[in-house]
N, C-alpha and C. Protein backbone atom coordinates (compact mmCIF):
# COMPACT_ATOMS: atom_id res chain seq x y z
N UNK A 1 94.04 86.34 120.79
CA UNK A 1 92.85 86.90 120.24
C UNK A 1 92.20 85.96 119.24
N UNK A 2 91.10 86.41 118.70
CA UNK A 2 90.36 85.62 117.73
C UNK A 2 91.20 85.45 116.47
N UNK A 3 91.27 84.25 115.96
CA UNK A 3 92.04 83.97 114.75
C UNK A 3 93.46 83.49 115.01
N UNK A 4 93.97 83.70 116.21
CA UNK A 4 95.34 83.29 116.52
C UNK A 4 95.47 81.78 116.42
N UNK A 5 94.44 81.06 116.86
CA UNK A 5 94.50 79.60 116.79
C UNK A 5 94.69 79.13 115.36
N UNK A 6 94.02 79.80 114.41
CA UNK A 6 94.16 79.44 113.00
C UNK A 6 95.57 79.71 112.51
N UNK A 7 96.15 80.83 112.90
CA UNK A 7 97.52 81.14 112.50
C UNK A 7 98.49 80.11 113.06
N UNK A 8 98.32 79.76 114.33
CA UNK A 8 99.19 78.77 114.96
C UNK A 8 99.04 77.43 114.26
N UNK A 9 97.80 77.04 113.95
CA UNK A 9 97.55 75.75 113.32
C UNK A 9 98.19 75.66 111.93
N UNK A 10 98.19 76.77 111.19
CA UNK A 10 98.79 76.78 109.86
C UNK A 10 100.31 76.69 109.92
N UNK A 11 100.87 77.24 110.98
CA UNK A 11 102.32 77.22 111.11
C UNK A 11 102.98 78.15 110.13
N UNK A 12 104.24 77.89 109.87
CA UNK A 12 104.99 78.73 108.95
C UNK A 12 106.06 77.89 108.28
N UNK A 13 106.55 78.34 107.15
CA UNK A 13 107.68 77.70 106.50
C UNK A 13 108.92 78.44 106.93
N UNK A 14 109.94 77.69 107.30
CA UNK A 14 111.20 78.29 107.73
C UNK A 14 112.33 77.43 107.22
N UNK A 15 113.29 78.04 106.53
CA UNK A 15 114.44 77.29 106.05
C UNK A 15 115.71 77.83 106.69
N UNK A 16 116.73 76.99 106.73
CA UNK A 16 117.99 77.35 107.38
C UNK A 16 118.69 78.45 106.59
N UNK A 17 119.24 79.41 107.32
CA UNK A 17 120.02 80.49 106.71
C UNK A 17 121.32 80.65 107.48
N UNK A 18 122.43 80.70 106.76
CA UNK A 18 123.75 81.01 107.32
C UNK A 18 124.03 80.34 108.66
N UNK A 19 123.87 79.03 108.71
CA UNK A 19 124.21 78.27 109.90
C UNK A 19 123.20 78.31 111.02
N UNK A 20 121.99 78.75 110.74
CA UNK A 20 120.95 78.79 111.77
C UNK A 20 119.82 77.87 111.35
N UNK A 21 119.52 76.83 112.06
CA UNK A 21 120.25 76.30 113.21
C UNK A 21 121.55 75.62 112.77
N UNK A 22 122.47 75.38 113.71
CA UNK A 22 123.81 74.88 113.37
C UNK A 22 123.83 73.53 112.65
N UNK A 23 122.88 72.64 112.93
CA UNK A 23 122.88 71.31 112.34
C UNK A 23 122.27 71.25 110.94
N UNK A 24 121.67 72.33 110.47
CA UNK A 24 120.95 72.32 109.19
C UNK A 24 121.82 72.84 108.05
N UNK A 25 121.54 72.34 106.85
CA UNK A 25 122.19 72.83 105.64
C UNK A 25 121.47 74.10 105.15
N UNK A 26 122.20 74.98 104.52
CA UNK A 26 121.63 76.22 103.99
C UNK A 26 120.46 75.89 103.06
N UNK A 27 119.32 76.49 103.31
CA UNK A 27 118.12 76.29 102.49
C UNK A 27 117.28 75.09 102.89
N UNK A 28 117.78 74.27 103.81
CA UNK A 28 117.02 73.10 104.26
C UNK A 28 115.77 73.54 105.02
N UNK A 29 114.65 72.89 104.75
CA UNK A 29 113.41 73.22 105.45
C UNK A 29 113.51 72.77 106.90
N UNK A 30 113.33 73.70 107.82
CA UNK A 30 113.37 73.41 109.26
C UNK A 30 111.95 73.18 109.76
N UNK A 31 111.04 74.02 109.32
CA UNK A 31 109.63 73.95 109.71
C UNK A 31 108.81 74.03 108.43
N UNK A 32 107.77 73.24 108.36
CA UNK A 32 106.89 73.24 107.18
C UNK A 32 105.52 73.80 107.55
N UNK A 33 105.01 74.62 106.66
CA UNK A 33 103.70 75.22 106.83
C UNK A 33 102.64 74.20 106.45
N UNK A 34 101.54 74.17 107.19
CA UNK A 34 100.51 73.17 106.93
C UNK A 34 99.18 73.77 106.49
N UNK A 35 99.12 75.08 106.31
CA UNK A 35 97.86 75.69 105.90
C UNK A 35 98.07 77.13 105.47
N UNK A 36 96.97 77.77 105.10
CA UNK A 36 96.99 79.15 104.63
C UNK A 36 95.85 79.90 105.31
N UNK A 37 96.10 81.13 105.70
CA UNK A 37 95.06 81.98 106.25
C UNK A 37 94.68 82.98 105.15
N UNK A 38 93.40 83.09 104.91
CA UNK A 38 92.91 84.00 103.88
C UNK A 38 92.07 85.08 104.52
N UNK A 39 92.31 86.31 104.15
CA UNK A 39 91.50 87.44 104.62
C UNK A 39 90.70 87.96 103.44
N UNK A 40 89.39 87.85 103.52
CA UNK A 40 88.51 88.29 102.44
C UNK A 40 88.18 89.77 102.57
N UNK A 41 88.06 90.41 101.43
CA UNK A 41 87.58 91.78 101.39
C UNK A 41 86.11 91.73 100.99
N UNK A 42 85.25 91.67 101.99
CA UNK A 42 83.83 91.59 101.69
C UNK A 42 83.30 92.96 101.29
N UNK A 43 83.60 93.97 102.10
CA UNK A 43 83.08 95.30 101.78
C UNK A 43 84.07 96.41 102.08
N UNK A 44 85.27 96.08 102.55
CA UNK A 44 86.16 97.16 102.94
C UNK A 44 87.63 96.76 102.80
N UNK A 45 88.28 97.31 101.78
CA UNK A 45 89.71 97.06 101.59
C UNK A 45 90.52 97.51 102.79
N UNK A 46 90.11 98.62 103.40
CA UNK A 46 90.90 99.20 104.49
C UNK A 46 90.93 98.30 105.71
N UNK A 47 89.79 97.74 106.08
CA UNK A 47 89.77 96.82 107.23
C UNK A 47 90.54 95.55 106.91
N UNK A 48 90.43 95.06 105.68
CA UNK A 48 91.17 93.87 105.28
C UNK A 48 92.66 94.14 105.37
N UNK A 49 93.12 95.28 104.88
CA UNK A 49 94.54 95.61 104.93
C UNK A 49 95.01 95.73 106.38
N UNK A 50 94.20 96.32 107.23
CA UNK A 50 94.57 96.44 108.64
C UNK A 50 94.69 95.05 109.28
N UNK A 51 93.74 94.17 108.99
CA UNK A 51 93.80 92.81 109.54
C UNK A 51 95.03 92.07 109.01
N UNK A 52 95.33 92.23 107.74
CA UNK A 52 96.50 91.57 107.17
C UNK A 52 97.79 92.11 107.77
N UNK A 53 97.82 93.40 108.09
CA UNK A 53 99.04 93.97 108.70
C UNK A 53 99.27 93.38 110.09
N UNK A 54 98.19 93.14 110.82
CA UNK A 54 98.32 92.53 112.15
C UNK A 54 98.82 91.09 112.01
N UNK A 55 98.27 90.35 111.05
CA UNK A 55 98.73 88.97 110.84
C UNK A 55 100.19 88.94 110.38
N UNK A 56 100.57 89.87 109.53
CA UNK A 56 101.95 89.93 109.04
C UNK A 56 102.92 90.20 110.18
N UNK A 57 102.59 91.12 111.07
CA UNK A 57 103.45 91.43 112.22
C UNK A 57 103.58 90.20 113.12
N UNK A 58 102.46 89.53 113.35
CA UNK A 58 102.45 88.34 114.19
C UNK A 58 103.35 87.26 113.59
N UNK A 59 103.17 87.00 112.27
CA UNK A 59 103.93 85.94 111.62
C UNK A 59 105.41 86.30 111.53
N UNK A 60 105.73 87.54 111.22
CA UNK A 60 107.13 87.95 111.14
C UNK A 60 107.82 87.76 112.49
N UNK A 61 107.12 88.06 113.57
CA UNK A 61 107.72 87.88 114.89
C UNK A 61 108.06 86.41 115.15
N UNK A 62 107.21 85.51 114.71
CA UNK A 62 107.48 84.07 114.89
C UNK A 62 108.62 83.61 114.00
N UNK A 63 108.69 84.13 112.77
CA UNK A 63 109.79 83.77 111.88
C UNK A 63 111.13 84.26 112.44
N UNK A 64 111.15 85.49 112.93
CA UNK A 64 112.39 86.02 113.50
C UNK A 64 112.81 85.26 114.75
N UNK A 65 111.84 84.83 115.55
CA UNK A 65 112.17 84.01 116.71
C UNK A 65 112.71 82.65 116.25
N UNK A 66 112.11 82.06 115.24
CA UNK A 66 112.56 80.78 114.72
C UNK A 66 113.97 80.83 114.18
N UNK A 67 114.37 81.99 113.65
CA UNK A 67 115.73 82.16 113.14
C UNK A 67 116.72 82.53 114.23
N UNK A 68 116.22 82.74 115.45
CA UNK A 68 117.11 83.10 116.55
C UNK A 68 117.41 84.59 116.63
N UNK A 69 116.68 85.40 115.87
CA UNK A 69 116.90 86.85 115.88
C UNK A 69 116.22 87.49 117.09
N UNK A 70 115.05 86.97 117.46
CA UNK A 70 114.30 87.50 118.60
C UNK A 70 114.19 86.44 119.69
N UNK A 71 114.23 86.89 120.93
CA UNK A 71 113.91 86.00 122.05
C UNK A 71 112.39 85.93 122.17
N UNK A 72 111.90 85.04 123.02
CA UNK A 72 110.45 84.92 123.21
C UNK A 72 109.87 86.24 123.72
N UNK A 73 110.56 86.90 124.64
CA UNK A 73 110.07 88.18 125.18
C UNK A 73 110.06 89.26 124.10
N UNK A 74 111.11 89.29 123.27
CA UNK A 74 111.16 90.28 122.19
C UNK A 74 110.07 89.99 121.17
N UNK A 75 109.81 88.70 120.91
CA UNK A 75 108.74 88.33 119.98
C UNK A 75 107.41 88.87 120.46
N UNK A 76 107.13 88.69 121.76
CA UNK A 76 105.87 89.18 122.31
C UNK A 76 105.76 90.69 122.16
N UNK A 77 106.85 91.40 122.45
CA UNK A 77 106.84 92.86 122.32
C UNK A 77 106.65 93.30 120.88
N UNK A 78 107.34 92.65 119.96
CA UNK A 78 107.24 93.01 118.55
C UNK A 78 105.86 92.69 118.01
N UNK A 79 105.35 91.49 118.29
CA UNK A 79 104.06 91.09 117.71
C UNK A 79 102.90 91.92 118.25
N UNK A 80 103.07 92.48 119.46
CA UNK A 80 102.01 93.32 120.01
C UNK A 80 102.11 94.76 119.54
N UNK A 81 103.14 95.07 118.75
CA UNK A 81 103.29 96.42 118.22
C UNK A 81 103.98 97.39 119.15
N UNK A 82 104.67 96.88 120.17
CA UNK A 82 105.40 97.73 121.10
C UNK A 82 106.46 98.52 120.33
N UNK A 83 106.28 99.81 120.23
CA UNK A 83 107.16 100.66 119.42
C UNK A 83 108.59 100.68 119.93
N UNK A 84 108.82 100.35 121.20
CA UNK A 84 110.17 100.34 121.75
C UNK A 84 110.94 99.08 121.35
N UNK A 85 110.25 98.08 120.85
CA UNK A 85 110.88 96.81 120.48
C UNK A 85 111.19 96.84 118.97
N UNK A 86 112.45 97.05 118.64
CA UNK A 86 112.91 97.14 117.25
C UNK A 86 112.14 98.22 116.47
N UNK A 87 112.26 99.47 116.89
CA UNK A 87 111.45 100.54 116.30
C UNK A 87 111.64 100.72 114.80
N UNK A 88 112.86 100.52 114.29
CA UNK A 88 113.07 100.70 112.84
C UNK A 88 112.35 99.62 112.04
N UNK A 89 112.37 98.41 112.56
CA UNK A 89 111.66 97.32 111.89
C UNK A 89 110.15 97.52 111.99
N UNK A 90 109.68 97.97 113.17
CA UNK A 90 108.25 98.27 113.34
C UNK A 90 107.81 99.30 112.30
N UNK A 91 108.59 100.36 112.17
CA UNK A 91 108.25 101.45 111.24
C UNK A 91 108.24 100.96 109.79
N UNK A 92 109.26 100.16 109.44
CA UNK A 92 109.35 99.65 108.06
C UNK A 92 108.15 98.77 107.74
N UNK A 93 107.75 97.93 108.69
CA UNK A 93 106.59 97.06 108.47
C UNK A 93 105.31 97.88 108.34
N UNK A 94 105.17 98.91 109.17
CA UNK A 94 103.99 99.77 109.06
C UNK A 94 103.93 100.46 107.71
N UNK A 95 105.05 101.01 107.27
CA UNK A 95 105.09 101.71 105.98
C UNK A 95 104.82 100.75 104.82
N UNK A 96 105.32 99.53 104.93
CA UNK A 96 105.06 98.52 103.90
C UNK A 96 103.56 98.29 103.76
N UNK A 97 102.85 98.15 104.89
CA UNK A 97 101.42 97.85 104.83
C UNK A 97 100.60 99.08 104.45
N UNK A 98 101.04 100.27 104.79
CA UNK A 98 100.34 101.48 104.33
C UNK A 98 100.47 101.57 102.81
N UNK A 99 101.68 101.34 102.29
CA UNK A 99 101.89 101.37 100.84
C UNK A 99 101.09 100.27 100.15
N UNK A 100 101.03 99.09 100.76
CA UNK A 100 100.26 97.96 100.23
C UNK A 100 98.78 98.35 100.12
N UNK A 101 98.26 98.93 101.20
CA UNK A 101 96.86 99.35 101.19
C UNK A 101 96.57 100.41 100.15
N UNK A 102 97.48 101.37 100.01
CA UNK A 102 97.29 102.42 99.00
C UNK A 102 97.31 101.83 97.59
N UNK A 103 98.23 100.91 97.32
CA UNK A 103 98.33 100.32 95.99
C UNK A 103 97.07 99.55 95.63
N UNK A 104 96.57 98.75 96.58
CA UNK A 104 95.33 98.00 96.32
C UNK A 104 94.14 98.93 96.15
N UNK A 105 94.05 99.94 96.99
CA UNK A 105 92.93 100.87 96.91
C UNK A 105 92.95 101.65 95.60
N UNK A 106 94.12 102.07 95.17
CA UNK A 106 94.22 102.79 93.89
C UNK A 106 93.78 101.89 92.75
N UNK A 107 94.15 100.61 92.81
CA UNK A 107 93.77 99.68 91.76
C UNK A 107 92.26 99.44 91.73
N UNK A 108 91.65 99.28 92.89
CA UNK A 108 90.22 98.92 92.95
C UNK A 108 89.28 100.12 93.02
N UNK A 109 89.69 101.18 93.72
CA UNK A 109 88.77 102.29 93.96
C UNK A 109 89.20 103.62 93.34
N UNK A 110 90.46 103.70 92.91
CA UNK A 110 90.93 104.93 92.30
C UNK A 110 91.38 105.99 93.29
N UNK A 111 91.39 105.69 94.58
CA UNK A 111 91.87 106.62 95.60
C UNK A 111 92.82 105.88 96.54
N UNK A 112 93.58 106.66 97.32
CA UNK A 112 94.42 106.02 98.33
C UNK A 112 93.53 105.40 99.40
N UNK A 113 94.12 104.49 100.16
CA UNK A 113 93.37 103.80 101.21
C UNK A 113 92.90 104.77 102.28
N UNK A 114 91.74 104.48 102.83
CA UNK A 114 91.24 105.22 103.99
C UNK A 114 91.83 104.60 105.25
N UNK A 115 91.83 105.36 106.30
CA UNK A 115 92.31 104.89 107.62
C UNK A 115 93.77 104.47 107.61
N UNK A 116 94.59 105.03 106.71
CA UNK A 116 96.01 104.67 106.71
C UNK A 116 96.71 105.16 107.96
N UNK A 117 96.15 106.18 108.62
CA UNK A 117 96.73 106.62 109.89
C UNK A 117 96.61 105.54 110.95
N UNK A 118 95.52 104.76 110.90
CA UNK A 118 95.33 103.67 111.85
C UNK A 118 96.36 102.57 111.60
N UNK A 119 96.60 102.23 110.34
CA UNK A 119 97.61 101.22 110.01
C UNK A 119 99.00 101.72 110.38
N UNK A 120 99.24 103.00 110.14
CA UNK A 120 100.57 103.57 110.37
C UNK A 120 100.87 103.75 111.86
N UNK A 121 99.90 104.22 112.65
CA UNK A 121 100.18 104.59 114.04
C UNK A 121 99.43 103.76 115.07
N UNK A 122 98.43 103.00 114.62
CA UNK A 122 97.63 102.23 115.56
C UNK A 122 96.48 103.02 116.17
N UNK A 123 96.28 104.25 115.70
CA UNK A 123 95.17 105.06 116.22
C UNK A 123 94.72 106.04 115.15
N UNK A 124 93.50 106.50 115.29
CA UNK A 124 92.96 107.51 114.37
C UNK A 124 93.48 108.88 114.77
N UNK A 125 93.77 109.70 113.79
CA UNK A 125 94.23 111.07 114.05
C UNK A 125 93.31 112.04 113.32
N UNK A 126 93.30 113.28 113.78
CA UNK A 126 92.50 114.30 113.11
C UNK A 126 92.95 114.46 111.66
N UNK A 127 94.26 114.45 111.45
CA UNK A 127 94.78 114.56 110.09
C UNK A 127 94.25 113.42 109.22
N UNK A 128 94.23 112.20 109.77
CA UNK A 128 93.73 111.04 109.03
C UNK A 128 92.26 111.15 108.68
N UNK A 129 91.47 111.63 109.64
CA UNK A 129 90.04 111.80 109.40
C UNK A 129 89.80 112.84 108.29
N UNK A 130 90.54 113.94 108.34
CA UNK A 130 90.40 114.98 107.31
C UNK A 130 90.87 114.49 105.96
N UNK A 131 91.98 113.74 105.93
CA UNK A 131 92.47 113.19 104.66
C UNK A 131 91.47 112.20 104.08
N UNK A 132 90.86 111.38 104.94
CA UNK A 132 89.85 110.43 104.48
C UNK A 132 88.64 111.12 103.90
N UNK A 133 88.27 112.28 104.46
CA UNK A 133 87.09 112.99 103.95
C UNK A 133 87.33 113.50 102.53
N UNK A 134 88.59 113.69 102.17
CA UNK A 134 88.90 114.14 100.81
C UNK A 134 88.87 112.99 99.82
N UNK A 135 89.11 111.76 100.30
CA UNK A 135 89.20 110.60 99.41
C UNK A 135 87.89 109.83 99.28
N UNK A 136 86.98 109.99 100.25
CA UNK A 136 85.77 109.17 100.20
C UNK A 136 84.62 109.89 99.55
């Protein structure tokens, strides 16, 4: 998708952990990051948080593959949000970003984030729409 080329070009930082890879010393840099991706909040914290959650899922999948935790097929499933691929990790990542969005929104706007149902489940729900009407 759009923006993936930028993420790939920036790369990621990865250091050796507990013998992975076998030839590296603990803490040794295996891969070096060459750039940073910035997501601006021009007019909507909620859309920015949603975009950042997608980037975080994508990058985490690559880091886990680099550490040998995920295979290439599992990486693809995880990065696309396939709920059957490591469901507990998927849920934890979703909750992290919902909480992140709420914390930022409370700081800047004084209310919880809107559209948190979209970040949490990947789709809008009636409950989410009603909750948003109370906060906006």
